[in-house]
Amino acid sequence: FSLSMIKGKEQFIRLGEKKEFLGLLKRMDDFLRLREWSEDRVVLQELYHFLVEPIISELPAKMVIIPDGEIGFVPFDMLEDGHGKKLLDYSTISYAFQFDTYKTRLEKSRSAYEIFFLAPVSWLLFGP
């Protein structure tokens, strides 16, 4: 699931099946471990398609990602769109692992970032 606040609009959506996400996460882990020997670079695009595309049609210049659970293991700055461009090529990405961390930073800064909240389905259904 994702809760996003982009251009003042809040959106809560289901991203996909947890089993599919965990499979992608395993492939990403294998890709990162094997690096130059891995031929599974397409996993970067599949994770982008799974986690980013359903939420944002137009990427903001700045965004903060607040991951929860297993999603915290995803290196969003490495994810690639269908054209091979990294998410980092489109947006300045920051991470906050608690909303309060982001809120404190926002209060001190004049520059607001768009927000992604990402949580695995088990957290949303059964609590932390």
N, C-alpha and C. Protein backbone atom coordinates (compact mmCIF):
# COMPACT_ATOMS: atom_id res chain seq x y z
N PHE A 1 0.83 -1.18 0.00
CA PHE A 1 0.00 0.00 0.00
C PHE A 1 0.88 1.24 0.00
N SER A 2 0.31 2.32 -0.47
CA SER A 2 1.02 3.59 -0.45
C SER A 2 0.06 4.71 -0.09
N LEU A 3 0.53 5.59 0.76
CA LEU A 3 -0.16 6.85 1.03
C LEU A 3 0.80 7.91 0.53
N SER A 4 0.36 8.71 -0.41
CA SER A 4 1.24 9.75 -0.93
C SER A 4 0.56 11.11 -0.82
N MET A 5 1.37 12.13 -0.69
CA MET A 5 0.90 13.51 -0.72
C MET A 5 1.72 14.20 -1.80
N ILE A 6 1.11 14.39 -2.94
CA ILE A 6 1.80 14.95 -4.09
C ILE A 6 0.99 16.12 -4.62
N LYS A 7 1.64 17.28 -4.70
CA LYS A 7 0.98 18.51 -5.14
C LYS A 7 -0.29 18.79 -4.35
N GLY A 8 -0.22 18.54 -3.04
CA GLY A 8 -1.34 18.81 -2.15
C GLY A 8 -2.46 17.77 -2.20
N LYS A 9 -2.30 16.75 -3.01
CA LYS A 9 -3.33 15.73 -3.15
C LYS A 9 -2.90 14.45 -2.42
N GLU A 10 -3.75 13.96 -1.52
CA GLU A 10 -3.48 12.72 -0.81
C GLU A 10 -4.08 11.56 -1.60
N GLN A 11 -3.34 10.48 -1.63
CA GLN A 11 -3.78 9.31 -2.39
C GLN A 11 -3.38 8.05 -1.63
N PHE A 12 -4.32 7.14 -1.43
CA PHE A 12 -4.06 5.86 -0.78
C PHE A 12 -4.39 4.78 -1.78
N ILE A 13 -3.40 3.97 -2.14
CA ILE A 13 -3.64 2.93 -3.13
C ILE A 13 -2.95 1.63 -2.74
N ARG A 14 -3.47 0.56 -3.27
CA ARG A 14 -2.85 -0.75 -3.13
C ARG A 14 -1.89 -0.94 -4.29
N LEU A 15 -0.66 -1.28 -3.97
CA LEU A 15 0.36 -1.39 -5.00
C LEU A 15 0.40 -2.75 -5.68
N GLY A 16 0.07 -3.81 -4.97
CA GLY A 16 0.14 -5.14 -5.56
C GLY A 16 0.22 -6.18 -4.46
N GLU A 17 0.44 -7.41 -4.86
CA GLU A 17 0.49 -8.52 -3.91
C GLU A 17 1.83 -8.53 -3.17
N LYS A 18 1.76 -8.81 -1.88
CA LYS A 18 2.96 -8.87 -1.07
C LYS A 18 3.91 -9.96 -1.58
N LYS A 19 3.36 -11.09 -2.00
CA LYS A 19 4.19 -12.20 -2.51
C LYS A 19 5.00 -11.74 -3.73
N GLU A 20 4.37 -10.97 -4.62
CA GLU A 20 5.08 -10.45 -5.79
C GLU A 20 6.19 -9.50 -5.37
N PHE A 21 5.88 -8.61 -4.42
CA PHE A 21 6.89 -7.66 -3.93
C PHE A 21 8.07 -8.39 -3.30
N LEU A 22 7.79 -9.39 -2.46
CA LEU A 22 8.88 -10.12 -1.80
C LEU A 22 9.75 -10.85 -2.81
N GLY A 23 9.16 -11.35 -3.89
CA GLY A 23 9.93 -11.96 -4.97
C GLY A 23 10.85 -10.95 -5.64
N LEU A 24 10.32 -9.74 -5.90
CA LEU A 24 11.14 -8.67 -6.48
C LEU A 24 12.26 -8.26 -5.53
N LEU A 25 11.94 -8.20 -4.24
CA LEU A 25 12.93 -7.82 -3.24
C LEU A 25 14.06 -8.85 -3.18
N LYS A 26 13.73 -10.12 -3.27
CA LYS A 26 14.73 -11.20 -3.28
C LYS A 26 15.62 -11.06 -4.52
N ARG A 27 15.01 -10.81 -5.66
CA ARG A 27 15.79 -10.63 -6.89
C ARG A 27 16.70 -9.40 -6.78
N MET A 28 16.21 -8.33 -6.17
CA MET A 28 17.02 -7.12 -5.98
C MET A 28 18.21 -7.45 -5.08
N ASP A 29 17.97 -8.18 -4.01
CA ASP A 29 19.04 -8.57 -3.11
C ASP A 29 20.09 -9.38 -3.86
N ASP A 30 19.66 -10.35 -4.67
CA ASP A 30 20.59 -11.15 -5.46
C ASP A 30 21.37 -10.26 -6.44
N PHE A 31 20.67 -9.32 -7.07
CA PHE A 31 21.31 -8.39 -8.00
C PHE A 31 22.40 -7.58 -7.30
N LEU A 32 22.11 -7.07 -6.13
CA LEU A 32 23.08 -6.25 -5.40
C LEU A 32 24.27 -7.08 -4.92
N ARG A 33 24.03 -8.31 -4.55
CA ARG A 33 25.13 -9.18 -4.10
C ARG A 33 26.05 -9.57 -5.25
N LEU A 34 25.47 -9.86 -6.41
CA LEU A 34 26.25 -10.35 -7.55
C LEU A 34 26.81 -9.22 -8.41
N ARG A 35 26.18 -8.08 -8.36
CA ARG A 35 26.54 -6.87 -9.08
C ARG A 35 26.94 -7.13 -10.54
N GLU A 36 28.21 -7.14 -10.84
CA GLU A 36 28.63 -7.23 -12.24
C GLU A 36 28.38 -8.59 -12.86
N TRP A 37 28.10 -9.61 -12.05
CA TRP A 37 27.83 -10.94 -12.60
C TRP A 37 26.35 -11.17 -12.83
N SER A 38 25.53 -10.31 -12.31
CA SER A 38 24.08 -10.49 -12.44
C SER A 38 23.59 -10.00 -13.80
N GLU A 39 22.71 -10.78 -14.37
CA GLU A 39 22.09 -10.38 -15.63
C GLU A 39 20.63 -9.96 -15.41
N ASP A 40 20.25 -9.81 -14.14
CA ASP A 40 18.86 -9.51 -13.80
C ASP A 40 18.64 -8.03 -13.54
N ARG A 41 19.27 -7.17 -14.33
CA ARG A 41 19.14 -5.73 -14.16
C ARG A 41 17.68 -5.27 -14.35
N VAL A 42 16.88 -6.05 -15.04
CA VAL A 42 15.48 -5.70 -15.28
C VAL A 42 14.69 -5.58 -13.97
N VAL A 43 15.20 -6.17 -12.89
CA VAL A 43 14.52 -6.06 -11.60
C VAL A 43 14.43 -4.60 -11.15
N LEU A 44 15.38 -3.77 -11.56
CA LEU A 44 15.34 -2.34 -11.22
C LEU A 44 14.11 -1.68 -11.85
N GLN A 45 13.79 -2.07 -13.07
CA GLN A 45 12.62 -1.53 -13.75
C GLN A 45 11.33 -2.14 -13.20
N GLU A 46 11.36 -3.41 -12.85
CA GLU A 46 10.16 -4.05 -12.31
C GLU A 46 9.77 -3.47 -10.95
N LEU A 47 10.76 -3.18 -10.11
CA LEU A 47 10.47 -2.54 -8.83
C LEU A 47 9.95 -1.12 -9.03
N TYR A 48 10.51 -0.40 -9.99
CA TYR A 48 10.02 0.94 -10.33
C TYR A 48 8.55 0.85 -10.76
N HIS A 49 8.26 -0.11 -11.62
CA HIS A 49 6.90 -0.31 -12.11
C HIS A 49 5.95 -0.67 -10.96
N PHE A 50 6.42 -1.47 -10.03
CA PHE A 50 5.59 -1.93 -8.90
C PHE A 50 5.37 -0.83 -7.86
N LEU A 51 6.43 -0.09 -7.52
CA LEU A 51 6.36 0.86 -6.40
C LEU A 51 6.13 2.32 -6.78
N VAL A 52 6.65 2.75 -7.91
CA VAL A 52 6.62 4.18 -8.24
C VAL A 52 5.54 4.52 -9.27
N GLU A 53 5.51 3.80 -10.38
CA GLU A 53 4.58 4.12 -11.46
C GLU A 53 3.11 4.24 -11.04
N PRO A 54 2.60 3.35 -10.18
CA PRO A 54 1.18 3.49 -9.82
C PRO A 54 0.85 4.76 -9.05
N ILE A 55 1.86 5.38 -8.47
CA ILE A 55 1.63 6.53 -7.60
C ILE A 55 1.82 7.85 -8.33
N ILE A 56 2.86 7.93 -9.14
CA ILE A 56 3.23 9.20 -9.74
C ILE A 56 3.26 9.11 -11.26
N SER A 57 2.47 9.93 -11.90
CA SER A 57 2.52 9.99 -13.36
C SER A 57 3.61 10.97 -13.80
N GLU A 58 3.79 12.03 -13.02
CA GLU A 58 4.84 13.01 -13.28
C GLU A 58 5.69 13.14 -12.03
N LEU A 59 6.96 12.80 -12.13
CA LEU A 59 7.82 12.81 -10.95
C LEU A 59 8.13 14.23 -10.50
N PRO A 60 8.03 14.48 -9.18
CA PRO A 60 8.37 15.80 -8.66
C PRO A 60 9.88 16.01 -8.65
N ALA A 61 10.32 17.25 -8.57
CA ALA A 61 11.75 17.56 -8.53
C ALA A 61 12.39 17.09 -7.22
N LYS A 62 11.61 17.06 -6.15
CA LYS A 62 12.09 16.64 -4.83
C LYS A 62 11.05 15.73 -4.20
N MET A 63 11.52 14.67 -3.56
CA MET A 63 10.58 13.80 -2.84
C MET A 63 11.27 13.20 -1.63
N VAL A 64 10.47 12.91 -0.62
CA VAL A 64 10.96 12.18 0.53
C VAL A 64 10.19 10.87 0.57
N ILE A 65 10.91 9.79 0.77
CA ILE A 65 10.32 8.47 0.85
C ILE A 65 10.37 8.03 2.30
N ILE A 66 9.21 7.64 2.84
CA ILE A 66 9.13 7.16 4.21
C ILE A 66 8.73 5.69 4.14
N PRO A 67 9.72 4.80 4.07
CA PRO A 67 9.42 3.38 3.91
C PRO A 67 9.11 2.72 5.24
N ASP A 68 8.41 1.60 5.18
CA ASP A 68 8.10 0.84 6.38
C ASP A 68 8.33 -0.63 6.07
N GLY A 69 8.78 -1.36 7.05
CA GLY A 69 8.97 -2.80 6.88
C GLY A 69 9.99 -3.12 5.81
N GLU A 70 9.70 -4.16 5.04
CA GLU A 70 10.61 -4.65 4.01
C GLU A 70 10.91 -3.61 2.93
N ILE A 71 10.03 -2.64 2.77
CA ILE A 71 10.23 -1.63 1.74
C ILE A 71 11.45 -0.77 2.05
N GLY A 72 11.85 -0.75 3.32
CA GLY A 72 13.05 -0.03 3.71
C GLY A 72 14.33 -0.59 3.09
N PHE A 73 14.27 -1.80 2.55
CA PHE A 73 15.44 -2.42 1.91
C PHE A 73 15.58 -2.04 0.44
N VAL A 74 14.60 -1.34 -0.11
CA VAL A 74 14.64 -0.99 -1.54
C VAL A 74 15.49 0.27 -1.74
N PRO A 75 16.53 0.19 -2.57
CA PRO A 75 17.33 1.38 -2.88
C PRO A 75 16.65 2.18 -4.01
N PHE A 76 15.71 3.05 -3.63
CA PHE A 76 14.91 3.77 -4.62
C PHE A 76 15.76 4.56 -5.61
N ASP A 77 16.89 5.08 -5.16
CA ASP A 77 17.73 5.86 -6.06
C ASP A 77 18.30 5.04 -7.21
N MET A 78 18.30 3.72 -7.10
CA MET A 78 18.79 2.85 -8.18
C MET A 78 17.69 2.43 -9.16
N LEU A 79 16.42 2.58 -8.77
CA LEU A 79 15.33 2.10 -9.62
C LEU A 79 15.32 2.84 -10.94
N GLU A 80 14.93 2.12 -12.00
CA GLU A 80 14.94 2.68 -13.35
C GLU A 80 13.56 2.62 -13.98
N ASP A 81 13.24 3.63 -14.77
CA ASP A 81 11.99 3.61 -15.52
C ASP A 81 12.16 2.72 -16.76
N GLY A 82 11.17 2.65 -17.60
CA GLY A 82 11.21 1.81 -18.79
C GLY A 82 12.22 2.25 -19.83
N HIS A 83 12.79 3.45 -19.65
CA HIS A 83 13.78 3.97 -20.60
C HIS A 83 15.20 3.85 -20.07
N GLY A 84 15.35 3.21 -18.90
CA GLY A 84 16.67 3.04 -18.32
C GLY A 84 17.18 4.22 -17.53
N LYS A 85 16.33 5.24 -17.32
CA LYS A 85 16.73 6.40 -16.51
C LYS A 85 16.39 6.11 -15.04
N LYS A 86 17.34 6.44 -14.18
CA LYS A 86 17.15 6.20 -12.76
C LYS A 86 16.18 7.22 -12.15
N LEU A 87 15.49 6.81 -11.12
CA LEU A 87 14.60 7.70 -10.39
C LEU A 87 15.36 8.94 -9.93
N LEU A 88 16.61 8.73 -9.56
CA LEU A 88 17.46 9.83 -9.11
C LEU A 88 17.74 10.85 -10.21
N ASP A 89 17.62 10.44 -11.48
CA ASP A 89 17.79 11.37 -12.60
C ASP A 89 16.64 12.37 -12.68
N TYR A 90 15.50 12.01 -12.14
CA TYR A 90 14.30 12.86 -12.20
C TYR A 90 14.11 13.68 -10.93
N SER A 91 14.45 13.09 -9.79
CA SER A 91 14.10 13.71 -8.51
C SER A 91 15.25 13.65 -7.52
N THR A 92 15.31 14.67 -6.67
CA THR A 92 16.18 14.62 -5.51
C THR A 92 15.43 13.79 -4.48
N ILE A 93 16.05 12.74 -3.99
CA ILE A 93 15.37 11.81 -3.08
C ILE A 93 15.96 11.92 -1.69
N SER A 94 15.09 12.02 -0.72
CA SER A 94 15.49 11.95 0.69
C SER A 94 14.69 10.84 1.34
N TYR A 95 15.23 10.30 2.40
CA TYR A 95 14.54 9.26 3.16
C TYR A 95 14.30 9.76 4.57
N ALA A 96 13.17 9.41 5.12
CA ALA A 96 12.88 9.63 6.53
C ALA A 96 12.24 8.34 7.02
N PHE A 97 12.66 7.87 8.16
CA PHE A 97 12.12 6.60 8.61
C PHE A 97 11.04 6.77 9.67
N GLN A 98 10.66 8.02 9.90
CA GLN A 98 9.50 8.36 10.71
C GLN A 98 8.94 9.66 10.15
N PHE A 99 7.63 9.80 10.16
CA PHE A 99 7.03 11.03 9.66
C PHE A 99 7.48 12.22 10.50
N ASP A 100 7.66 12.01 11.81
CA ASP A 100 8.10 13.10 12.67
C ASP A 100 9.45 13.66 12.24
N THR A 101 10.34 12.78 11.76
CA THR A 101 11.64 13.23 11.26
C THR A 101 11.44 14.18 10.09
N TYR A 102 10.57 13.80 9.17
CA TYR A 102 10.30 14.66 8.01
C TYR A 102 9.64 15.96 8.45
N LYS A 103 8.69 15.85 9.35
CA LYS A 103 7.96 17.03 9.81
C LYS A 103 8.92 18.04 10.45
N THR A 104 9.86 17.58 11.28
CA THR A 104 10.85 18.45 11.90
C THR A 104 11.70 19.14 10.84
N ARG A 105 12.12 18.38 9.86
CA ARG A 105 12.94 18.92 8.77
C ARG A 105 12.14 19.95 7.96
N LEU A 106 10.87 19.65 7.72
CA LEU A 106 10.01 20.54 6.95
C LEU A 106 9.83 21.88 7.67
N GLU A 107 9.69 21.82 8.99
CA GLU A 107 9.50 23.04 9.76
C GLU A 107 10.74 23.93 9.73
N LYS A 108 11.93 23.33 9.54
CA LYS A 108 13.18 24.09 9.51
C LYS A 108 13.54 24.55 8.11
N SER A 109 12.90 24.00 7.10
CA SER A 109 13.27 24.27 5.72
C SER A 109 12.15 24.99 4.99
N ARG A 110 12.52 25.80 4.04
CA ARG A 110 11.51 26.46 3.20
C ARG A 110 11.16 25.61 1.99
N SER A 111 11.89 24.54 1.79
CA SER A 111 11.74 23.71 0.60
C SER A 111 11.03 22.41 0.96
N ALA A 112 9.79 22.28 0.55
CA ALA A 112 9.03 21.07 0.85
C ALA A 112 9.27 20.01 -0.23
N TYR A 113 9.25 18.78 0.19
CA TYR A 113 9.37 17.65 -0.71
C TYR A 113 8.01 16.97 -0.82
N GLU A 114 7.76 16.32 -1.95
CA GLU A 114 6.57 15.48 -2.05
C GLU A 114 6.83 14.24 -1.20
N ILE A 115 5.79 13.58 -0.74
CA ILE A 115 5.93 12.50 0.23
C ILE A 115 5.37 11.19 -0.30
N PHE A 116 6.14 10.12 -0.08
CA PHE A 116 5.68 8.75 -0.28
C PHE A 116 5.66 8.07 1.09
N PHE A 117 4.57 7.48 1.47
CA PHE A 117 4.56 6.57 2.61
C PHE A 117 4.36 5.20 2.01
N LEU A 118 5.23 4.28 2.28
CA LEU A 118 5.09 2.95 1.73
C LEU A 118 5.12 1.95 2.87
N ALA A 119 4.13 1.07 2.91
CA ALA A 119 4.07 0.07 3.97
C ALA A 119 3.62 -1.26 3.40
N PRO A 120 4.18 -2.36 3.94
CA PRO A 120 3.70 -3.67 3.50
C PRO A 120 2.29 -3.89 4.00
N VAL A 121 1.55 -4.72 3.31
CA VAL A 121 0.14 -4.95 3.63
C VAL A 121 -0.05 -5.44 5.06
N SER A 122 0.86 -6.26 5.59
CA SER A 122 0.67 -6.80 6.94
C SER A 122 0.63 -5.69 7.98
N TRP A 123 1.43 -4.62 7.80
CA TRP A 123 1.41 -3.52 8.75
C TRP A 123 0.09 -2.78 8.71
N LEU A 124 -0.43 -2.55 7.52
CA LEU A 124 -1.68 -1.80 7.40
C LEU A 124 -2.88 -2.60 7.91
N LEU A 125 -2.84 -3.89 7.75
CA LEU A 125 -3.97 -4.71 8.19
C LEU A 125 -3.91 -5.06 9.66
N PHE A 126 -2.71 -5.28 10.19
CA PHE A 126 -2.59 -5.81 11.54
C PHE A 126 -1.88 -4.90 12.52
N GLY A 127 -1.43 -3.72 12.07
CA GLY A 127 -0.76 -2.80 12.95
C GLY A 127 0.73 -3.06 13.04
N PRO A 128 1.46 -2.12 13.62
CA PRO A 128 2.93 -2.29 13.71
C PRO A 128 3.33 -3.38 14.67
